[in-house]
Amino acid sequence: MTAATSLIPGLDEIVKRGDPRRRGEIARAIAQLFFQDAEKFRPDLVDLFDNLLIDLVPHAELASRVDLAERFSHLNNAPPHLVNQLARENEIVVAGPVLRRSPVLDDAALVEIARLKGQGHLLAMTERPALSAAITDVLVERGDRDVVRRAAGNAGAVFSQGSYSELIKRASQDGVLTLKIGQRNDLSGEHLKQLLDGTLDVIRRRLSSVVNPVRQVEIKRAMAAIEEAALPPGPRRDFSDAQRTVLILHREGHLGESALLGFAKALKYEESIASLAAMSGVRLSILDRLVAGDRYDPILILGRVLNLGWPTVRALILMWHGPHRAPADADLEQARVNFTRLMPSTAERVVKFWRNRQTI
């Protein structure tokens, strides 16, 4: 028997032998006294109520515990031992309210509960207005998909570098998590790049449509850096003269497939690439490294988007091979078949991807 229970005649007997309904009635009656003047109570009176209720509430019926947990969860000076006890209940309908919002629970208690309890308790914690890195470390480590998504979507959550990296790793398999991370104000440029690097293009486009204009610019810059890094390595060419030539052709209205075919047949690589860049709207440096790669697929894609005829595409492929590396007839025929089968809509999506990643 506590000192507090000895102040009320018969209370100890109710605590020891009373049925849950009776215990609940007494607990609600005592709690009601607390709720009436809670903001006026000194710490010693709060402790008194704490000692009275902590013996009654755990053995009260479920409905009483749920009601008391909900009401105490809103108070800054709720009985601390009782609140901690409620937060550790296995019944999430009891623990949930205090885990979601009670200001009485400190980080140490929340971390301990997060390490010991199940996903329902972790999910309730993600709704707190603020979550320290100590708490989110455990949520990310132990949490399932829903817990991690909710934590990432909590603007008041703080994540350590390690937890942020783990979030981004998990986001590579979770489009919803990618969107939530991508909208966080504390997302660094390097983390944004890591996030986008492991994300499908459809998710990238969705993310760009839901973030603010500043983040949209950041996404374009990150994607440009990713695209540059992914392009095949190779020596940088000087396109100055070729660009001047193409500019003159454009001004005179002569830049088109006929001029491109002439450059390709003459094996004029710089003029051909400069023409393709001007006609397709893809940045010259990106197009150069794409076409200079170990596959000629970019030529087929550009040819389909620009509605080029097979003779022009064939000449570009021969230029790609070079004067000393002629392709076999069978290879050229396979390239023609692939070009014919390539859907314009598919090619347009790829070229749009190249165009949208031009700002560094």
Protein backbone atom coordinates (compact mmCIF):
# COMPACT_ATOMS: atom_id res chain seq x y z
CA MET A 1 0.00 0.00 0.00
CA THR A 2 1.37 3.42 -0.98
CA ALA A 3 1.24 6.49 1.23
CA ALA A 4 -1.32 7.95 -1.14
CA THR A 5 -3.75 5.03 -0.94
CA SER A 6 -3.63 5.16 2.86
CA LEU A 7 -5.17 8.65 2.70
CA ILE A 8 -8.46 7.28 1.37
CA PRO A 9 -10.22 4.72 3.58
CA GLY A 10 -10.99 1.51 1.76
CA LEU A 11 -8.94 2.41 -1.31
CA ASP A 12 -6.28 -0.18 -0.62
CA GLU A 13 -8.93 -2.89 -0.45
CA ILE A 14 -10.33 -1.76 -3.80
CA VAL A 15 -6.85 -1.80 -5.32
CA LYS A 16 -6.20 -5.33 -4.06
CA ARG A 17 -9.59 -6.98 -4.51
CA GLY A 18 -11.89 -4.68 -6.40
CA ASP A 19 -13.19 -5.75 -9.80
CA PRO A 20 -12.01 -3.83 -12.88
CA ARG A 21 -15.27 -1.89 -13.19
CA ARG A 22 -15.02 -0.67 -9.59
CA ARG A 23 -11.37 0.23 -9.99
CA GLY A 24 -12.24 2.15 -13.14
CA GLU A 25 -14.96 4.11 -11.37
CA ILE A 26 -12.61 5.13 -8.54
CA ALA A 27 -9.81 5.97 -11.00
CA ARG A 28 -12.12 8.19 -13.07
CA ALA A 29 -13.39 9.93 -9.92
CA ILE A 30 -9.87 10.71 -8.71
CA ALA A 31 -8.74 11.72 -12.19
CA GLN A 32 -11.71 14.07 -12.50
CA LEU A 33 -10.51 15.92 -9.41
CA PHE A 34 -7.12 16.26 -11.09
CA PHE A 35 -8.56 17.48 -14.40
CA GLN A 36 -10.59 20.20 -12.70
CA ASP A 37 -7.56 22.11 -11.40
CA ALA A 38 -4.59 20.46 -13.09
CA GLU A 39 -2.93 23.68 -14.22
CA LYS A 40 -2.85 24.96 -10.61
CA PHE A 41 -1.27 21.91 -8.97
CA ARG A 42 2.22 22.07 -7.50
CA PRO A 43 4.58 19.16 -8.24
CA ASP A 44 3.95 17.59 -4.82
CA LEU A 45 0.19 17.41 -5.50
CA VAL A 46 0.83 15.95 -8.95
CA ASP A 47 2.95 13.29 -7.26
CA LEU A 48 0.10 12.55 -4.85
CA PHE A 49 -2.35 11.95 -7.67
CA ASP A 50 0.33 9.94 -9.48
CA ASN A 51 0.66 7.61 -6.49
CA LEU A 52 -3.11 7.25 -6.16
CA LEU A 53 -3.78 6.45 -9.82
CA ILE A 54 -0.82 4.24 -10.59
CA ASP A 55 -2.23 1.49 -8.40
CA LEU A 56 -5.75 1.77 -9.80
CA VAL A 57 -5.50 2.44 -13.50
CA PRO A 58 -3.52 -0.66 -14.62
CA HIS A 59 -6.24 -2.92 -13.17
CA ALA A 60 -9.20 -0.88 -14.41
CA GLU A 61 -11.33 -2.01 -17.34
CA LEU A 62 -10.06 -1.23 -20.83
CA ALA A 63 -12.58 1.51 -21.57
CA SER A 64 -11.49 3.44 -18.46
CA ARG A 65 -7.81 3.14 -19.35
CA VAL A 66 -8.46 4.35 -22.88
CA ASP A 67 -10.42 7.36 -21.65
CA LEU A 68 -7.82 8.33 -19.07
CA ALA A 69 -4.92 7.90 -21.50
CA GLU A 70 -6.63 10.19 -24.00
CA ARG A 71 -7.32 12.91 -21.41
CA PHE A 72 -3.92 12.77 -19.73
CA SER A 73 -2.12 12.86 -23.09
CA HIS A 74 -3.06 16.54 -23.52
CA LEU A 75 -1.70 17.75 -20.15
CA ASN A 76 1.75 19.25 -19.65
CA ASN A 77 1.76 18.24 -15.96
CA ALA A 78 0.08 14.85 -16.18
CA PRO A 79 1.22 12.35 -13.52
CA PRO A 80 4.55 11.20 -15.00
CA HIS A 81 4.69 7.65 -13.62
CA LEU A 82 1.13 6.98 -14.73
CA VAL A 83 1.76 8.34 -18.23
CA ASN A 84 4.90 6.22 -18.60
CA GLN A 85 2.93 3.22 -17.44
CA LEU A 86 0.15 3.89 -19.94
CA ALA A 87 2.69 4.33 -22.75
CA ARG A 88 4.07 0.85 -22.06
CA GLU A 89 0.73 -0.95 -22.17
CA ASN A 90 0.48 -3.64 -24.81
CA GLU A 91 -2.99 -2.38 -25.75
CA ILE A 92 -2.22 0.22 -28.42
CA VAL A 93 -5.61 1.89 -27.87
CA VAL A 94 -4.32 2.77 -24.40
CA ALA A 95 -0.68 3.48 -25.22
CA GLY A 96 -1.39 5.27 -28.51
CA PRO A 97 -2.71 8.62 -27.23
CA VAL A 98 0.19 9.29 -24.87
CA LEU A 99 2.76 8.06 -27.39
CA ARG A 100 1.33 10.40 -30.02
CA ARG A 101 1.33 13.61 -28.05
CA SER A 102 2.04 13.51 -24.30
CA PRO A 103 4.70 16.13 -23.48
CA VAL A 104 5.44 14.25 -20.26
CA LEU A 105 7.26 11.44 -22.05
CA ASP A 106 10.94 12.22 -22.50
CA ASP A 107 13.33 10.91 -25.16
CA ALA A 108 14.77 8.23 -22.89
CA ALA A 109 11.34 6.73 -22.27
CA LEU A 110 10.36 6.91 -25.94
CA VAL A 111 13.60 5.28 -27.07
CA GLU A 112 13.15 2.47 -24.54
CA ILE A 113 9.55 1.87 -25.64
CA ALA A 114 10.53 2.01 -29.32
CA ARG A 115 13.13 -0.70 -28.73
CA LEU A 116 10.80 -3.00 -26.79
CA LYS A 117 7.31 -2.62 -28.26
CA GLY A 118 5.71 -3.50 -31.57
CA GLN A 119 4.98 -1.64 -34.78
CA GLY A 120 1.75 -0.13 -33.45
CA HIS A 121 3.66 1.69 -30.72
CA LEU A 122 6.29 2.87 -33.20
CA LEU A 123 3.62 4.09 -35.60
CA ALA A 124 1.95 6.11 -32.82
CA MET A 125 5.26 7.80 -32.03
CA THR A 126 5.64 9.02 -35.62
CA GLU A 127 2.71 11.39 -35.02
CA ARG A 128 4.49 13.35 -32.28
CA PRO A 129 5.03 17.01 -33.23
CA ALA A 130 8.78 16.61 -32.74
CA LEU A 131 11.05 13.58 -32.90
CA SER A 132 14.73 13.72 -31.96
CA ALA A 133 17.42 11.85 -33.86
CA ALA A 134 17.73 9.43 -30.94
CA ILE A 135 14.11 8.38 -31.46
CA THR A 136 14.14 8.30 -35.27
CA ASP A 137 17.28 6.17 -35.22
CA VAL A 138 15.23 3.42 -33.55
CA LEU A 139 12.15 4.04 -35.73
CA VAL A 140 14.22 3.66 -38.91
CA GLU A 141 16.08 0.65 -37.54
CA ARG A 142 13.03 -1.28 -36.30
CA GLY A 143 10.13 0.26 -38.16
CA ASP A 144 8.20 -1.40 -40.95
CA ARG A 145 7.19 0.33 -44.18
CA ASP A 146 4.34 2.33 -42.65
CA VAL A 147 6.42 3.49 -39.69
CA VAL A 148 9.28 4.68 -41.86
CA ARG A 149 6.95 6.45 -44.29
CA ARG A 150 5.16 8.28 -41.48
CA ALA A 151 8.43 9.25 -39.80
CA ALA A 152 9.82 10.61 -43.08
CA GLY A 153 6.63 12.60 -43.59
CA ASN A 154 6.86 14.20 -40.13
CA ALA A 155 8.24 17.73 -40.60
CA GLY A 156 9.22 17.85 -36.93
CA ALA A 157 11.40 14.74 -37.13
CA VAL A 158 15.18 15.02 -37.05
CA PHE A 159 17.31 12.30 -38.65
CA SER A 160 20.96 11.49 -38.13
CA GLN A 161 23.21 11.05 -41.16
CA GLY A 162 23.07 7.29 -40.72
CA SER A 163 19.27 7.22 -40.54
CA TYR A 164 18.97 9.50 -43.57
CA SER A 165 21.18 7.15 -45.56
CA GLU A 166 19.06 4.18 -44.46
CA LEU A 167 15.86 6.04 -45.42
CA ILE A 168 17.24 6.73 -48.90
CA LYS A 169 18.33 3.10 -49.24
CA ARG A 170 14.82 1.91 -48.41
CA ALA A 171 13.32 4.53 -50.72
CA SER A 172 14.91 2.82 -53.73
CA GLN A 173 12.22 0.14 -53.30
CA ASP A 174 9.43 2.43 -52.12
CA GLY A 175 8.03 5.21 -54.31
CA VAL A 176 5.83 6.62 -51.54
CA LEU A 177 8.83 6.93 -49.23
CA THR A 178 10.76 8.65 -52.02
CA LEU A 179 8.05 11.30 -52.34
CA LYS A 180 7.98 11.92 -48.59
CA ILE A 181 11.76 12.26 -48.32
CA GLY A 182 11.90 14.46 -51.42
CA GLN A 183 9.56 16.98 -49.81
CA ARG A 184 11.53 17.33 -46.57
CA ASN A 185 12.97 20.81 -45.94
CA ASP A 186 16.12 19.39 -44.33
CA LEU A 187 17.05 17.26 -47.35
CA SER A 188 20.61 18.14 -48.37
CA GLY A 189 21.79 18.39 -51.96
CA GLU A 190 23.89 15.26 -51.63
CA HIS A 191 21.03 13.29 -50.10
CA LEU A 192 18.72 14.52 -52.87
CA LYS A 193 21.17 13.26 -55.46
CA GLN A 194 21.39 9.88 -53.71
CA LEU A 195 17.61 9.71 -53.51
CA LEU A 196 17.10 10.44 -57.21
CA ASP A 197 19.93 8.18 -58.33
CA GLY A 198 18.09 5.09 -57.08
CA THR A 199 14.61 6.15 -58.19
CA LEU A 200 12.56 5.22 -61.24
CA ASP A 201 11.97 8.02 -63.74
CA VAL A 202 8.20 7.93 -63.18
CA ILE A 203 8.75 8.61 -59.46
CA ARG A 204 11.18 11.42 -60.29
CA ARG A 205 8.55 13.09 -62.46
CA ARG A 206 5.92 12.65 -59.75
CA LEU A 207 8.27 14.17 -57.17
CA SER A 208 8.94 17.18 -59.39
CA SER A 209 5.19 17.78 -59.65
CA VAL A 210 4.56 17.91 -55.88
CA VAL A 211 7.54 19.87 -54.54
CA ASN A 212 7.96 23.65 -54.39
CA PRO A 213 9.74 25.59 -57.19
CA VAL A 214 13.04 25.77 -55.29
CA ARG A 215 13.14 22.00 -54.87
CA GLN A 216 12.20 21.56 -58.55
CA VAL A 217 15.34 23.49 -59.51
CA GLU A 218 17.38 21.38 -57.09
CA ILE A 219 15.98 18.20 -58.65
CA LYS A 220 16.94 19.37 -62.15
CA ARG A 221 20.46 20.17 -61.00
CA ALA A 222 20.81 16.82 -59.25
CA MET A 223 19.54 14.93 -62.28
CA ALA A 224 21.95 16.83 -64.53
CA ALA A 225 24.83 15.76 -62.30
CA ILE A 226 23.58 12.16 -62.28
CA GLU A 227 23.19 12.16 -66.05
CA GLU A 228 26.66 13.58 -66.57
CA ALA A 229 28.18 10.97 -64.28
CA ALA A 230 26.36 8.16 -66.07
CA LEU A 231 27.47 9.15 -69.55
CA PRO A 232 30.33 7.18 -71.13
CA PRO A 233 33.79 8.67 -70.53
CA GLY A 234 35.72 10.01 -73.46
CA PRO A 235 37.87 12.86 -74.73
CA ARG A 236 36.29 16.27 -75.03
CA ARG A 237 35.95 17.49 -78.58
CA ASP A 238 36.09 21.06 -79.83
CA PHE A 239 32.73 21.88 -81.37
CA SER A 240 33.35 25.61 -81.88
CA ASP A 241 33.73 25.52 -85.67
CA ALA A 242 30.92 22.97 -86.05
CA GLN A 243 28.54 25.09 -83.99
CA ARG A 244 29.29 28.14 -86.13
CA THR A 245 28.60 26.12 -89.25
CA VAL A 246 25.32 24.79 -87.90
CA LEU A 247 24.28 28.28 -86.74
CA ILE A 248 24.82 29.67 -90.25
CA LEU A 249 22.78 26.82 -91.74
CA HIS A 250 20.01 27.48 -89.24
CA ARG A 251 19.92 31.21 -89.99
CA GLU A 252 19.74 30.52 -93.70
CA GLY A 253 17.00 27.94 -93.24
CA HIS A 254 19.11 25.04 -94.47
CA LEU A 255 19.51 23.06 -91.26
CA GLY A 256 17.62 19.84 -91.71
CA GLU A 257 17.89 16.19 -92.63
CA SER A 258 19.64 16.87 -95.93
CA ALA A 259 22.47 18.77 -94.25
CA LEU A 260 22.72 16.15 -91.51
CA LEU A 261 22.96 13.36 -94.08
CA GLY A 262 25.77 15.21 -95.85
CA PHE A 263 27.75 15.61 -92.62
CA ALA A 264 27.25 11.93 -91.68
CA LYS A 265 28.32 10.65 -95.11
CA ALA A 266 31.44 12.83 -94.95
CA LEU A 267 32.16 11.38 -91.47
CA LYS A 268 32.06 14.89 -90.00
CA TYR A 269 31.35 13.92 -86.41
CA GLU A 270 31.38 17.37 -84.84
CA GLU A 271 29.02 18.85 -87.46
CA SER A 272 26.71 15.84 -87.23
CA ILE A 273 26.44 16.01 -83.43
CA ALA A 274 26.03 19.79 -83.46
CA SER A 275 23.21 19.41 -85.98
CA LEU A 276 21.49 16.69 -83.93
CA ALA A 277 21.77 18.83 -80.80
CA ALA A 278 20.25 21.85 -82.51
CA MET A 279 17.45 19.81 -84.08
CA SER A 280 16.59 17.77 -80.95
CA GLY A 281 17.08 20.37 -78.20
CA VAL A 282 19.48 18.13 -76.25
CA ARG A 283 22.57 19.84 -74.90
CA LEU A 284 25.61 19.30 -77.10
CA SER A 285 27.95 17.97 -74.39
CA ILE A 286 25.37 15.40 -73.27
CA LEU A 287 24.59 14.32 -76.83
CA ASP A 288 28.28 13.97 -77.64
CA ARG A 289 28.89 11.61 -74.76
CA LEU A 290 25.71 9.65 -75.48
CA VAL A 291 26.56 9.05 -79.13
CA ALA A 292 30.23 8.41 -78.34
CA GLY A 293 29.27 5.50 -76.07
CA ASP A 294 29.64 1.81 -76.81
CA ARG A 295 26.15 1.50 -78.36
CA TYR A 296 24.48 3.35 -81.21
CA ASP A 297 21.00 3.20 -79.62
CA PRO A 298 20.93 7.00 -79.05
CA ILE A 299 21.15 7.46 -82.83
CA LEU A 300 18.06 5.28 -83.34
CA ILE A 301 16.18 7.17 -80.64
CA LEU A 302 17.08 10.59 -82.06
CA GLY A 303 16.27 9.42 -85.56
CA ARG A 304 12.78 8.34 -84.51
CA VAL A 305 12.08 11.58 -82.61
CA LEU A 306 13.32 13.75 -85.52
CA ASN A 307 11.45 11.56 -88.03
CA LEU A 308 14.63 10.89 -89.98
CA GLY A 309 14.68 8.42 -92.86
CA TRP A 310 16.60 5.17 -92.61
CA PRO A 311 19.33 6.35 -95.07
CA THR A 312 20.22 9.22 -92.69
CA VAL A 313 20.14 6.98 -89.63
CA ARG A 314 22.27 4.41 -91.47
CA ALA A 315 24.82 7.07 -92.39
CA LEU A 316 25.00 8.19 -88.75
CA ILE A 317 25.57 4.57 -87.64
CA LEU A 318 28.37 4.17 -90.19
CA MET A 319 29.90 7.43 -88.93
CA TRP A 320 29.61 6.07 -85.38
CA HIS A 321 31.56 2.95 -86.40
CA GLY A 322 34.23 5.06 -88.11
CA PRO A 323 36.14 4.56 -91.37
CA HIS A 324 38.12 1.59 -90.13
CA ARG A 325 35.33 -0.40 -88.41
CA ALA A 326 32.60 -1.16 -90.95
CA PRO A 327 29.63 -3.08 -89.52
CA ALA A 328 28.45 -6.36 -90.97
CA ASP A 329 25.40 -6.30 -93.22
CA ALA A 330 23.50 -8.40 -90.68
CA ASP A 331 24.21 -5.83 -87.96
CA LEU A 332 22.94 -3.01 -90.15
CA GLU A 333 19.80 -4.97 -90.95
CA GLN A 334 19.17 -5.59 -87.27
CA ALA A 335 19.65 -1.88 -86.62
CA ARG A 336 17.09 -1.11 -89.36
CA VAL A 337 14.59 -3.52 -87.80
CA ASN A 338 15.12 -2.01 -84.35
CA PHE A 339 14.67 1.48 -85.76
CA THR A 340 11.46 0.50 -87.53
CA ARG A 341 10.01 -1.09 -84.39
CA LEU A 342 10.93 1.77 -82.07
CA MET A 343 7.75 3.53 -80.95
CA PRO A 344 7.86 7.33 -81.39
CA SER A 345 6.27 7.81 -77.96
CA THR A 346 9.00 5.73 -76.32
CA ALA A 347 11.74 7.63 -78.11
CA GLU A 348 10.15 10.96 -77.17
CA ARG A 349 10.13 10.03 -73.48
CA VAL A 350 13.84 9.20 -73.59
CA VAL A 351 14.76 12.42 -75.39
CA LYS A 352 12.61 14.42 -72.99
CA PHE A 353 14.60 12.82 -70.18
CA TRP A 354 17.82 14.03 -71.81
CA ARG A 355 16.45 17.52 -72.35
CA ASN A 356 15.24 17.97 -68.79
CA ARG A 357 18.65 17.26 -67.32
CA GLN A 358 20.58 20.08 -68.88
CA THR A 359 20.80 22.61 -66.03
CA ILE A 360 23.83 22.28 -63.76
